[in-house]
């Protein structure tokens, strides 16, 4: 297909124009670093053109004198040492504990605020660092939610944890529901909740707990064997040498069940025939521990031998409900060694300068 002469001529003219334009050296947009004002810069400059760089709003220049760049005959810009650093906004003092040690934040920093459950925000939920080093909004206030005063149960009343004034109560504050005897509330505690509502009042109903029973290795000190009403109490104690673990008194709960009974923990026997121990702030030969009995929770230290340094060190063990563990390092001496060479036992020789870390429940280091 033949090309129209007019069309070929147009292509040739465009090519010649492009060659004439592109053969002339020019400079492109000057290279800029962060913070330099780019709005006044053009895309193309002629040879010999001069440009003055400035910092954009919100940034501080590294020098007070203007920094000028020239478009050189090679089509390159001369160098500039201008550095623009962002202005800083001081972090409000109440927020500094959350800022991981920072006391300032750079221009354009955005702070987002939230309140914990049960608190409403008064003020803006965000703030940004402005170009003049100030924040767009002050930190908001988090105000506790208010609830209407709770309604008492039928045949009962409300007892607040703290004295109140006015017709509202704040989030987190609680109260106890009480019923007229012998009735008990279906639940005893109420509070001002995060959504601004107060707990609904419980139902008052009659509650009875079954006749109280004794505990192993213990007895009831004050009780009548009969069904008990709400909040009636029974008191327990342990047999001799047993230790009470838990509350001595148990009471009839609003569920119709007794609260947790205490447990009588058993004493321990120190199960060695020969050796010396540290017990009740005294060193004792095991034969002198009469009766051979350690109460629950009490500590006993056994003496072990550091064979490398030929010195002794104590290791503590605690009586736990009839069980007293003997440390693995303790070696019970033979009858002859115990009788004729007692002064060579780990408990009698020089104590080590350092010893293994003591148990958190161990006594002071015996000497």
Foldseek 3Di string as FASTA:
>chain_A
DDDDPVVVVVVVVVVVVVCVVVVQAKAAWADDDPQKDPPPTDGIGHAFDKDWIDGDQQWDWPDPDIWMWGQHRVRHIDDTPIDIHGAWAADPPVCCVVVVNDGIDGAQDKDAADDDQQWDWDWDRMWGQHSVRYIPTDHTDTHGAKAFDADAEVQWGKAWPDDDDDGIDTFPTKIFIAHDPLWGFPDTIWGQGRVRYTDHYTYTDWAKAAFDDAAPQKGWPDGDRGIDTFFDKTFMDGHPLWDWADDRIWGQHNVRYIPDHIHTFHKEADPADFAWKQFPNDIGTCVPPVPRTGHAFGKIWGWAAPVVVLAIFTAIWGHHRHDTDDDPRHDGDDPCCRVPVVCSDNVNGHHDPDDPDYDPSHDPTHD
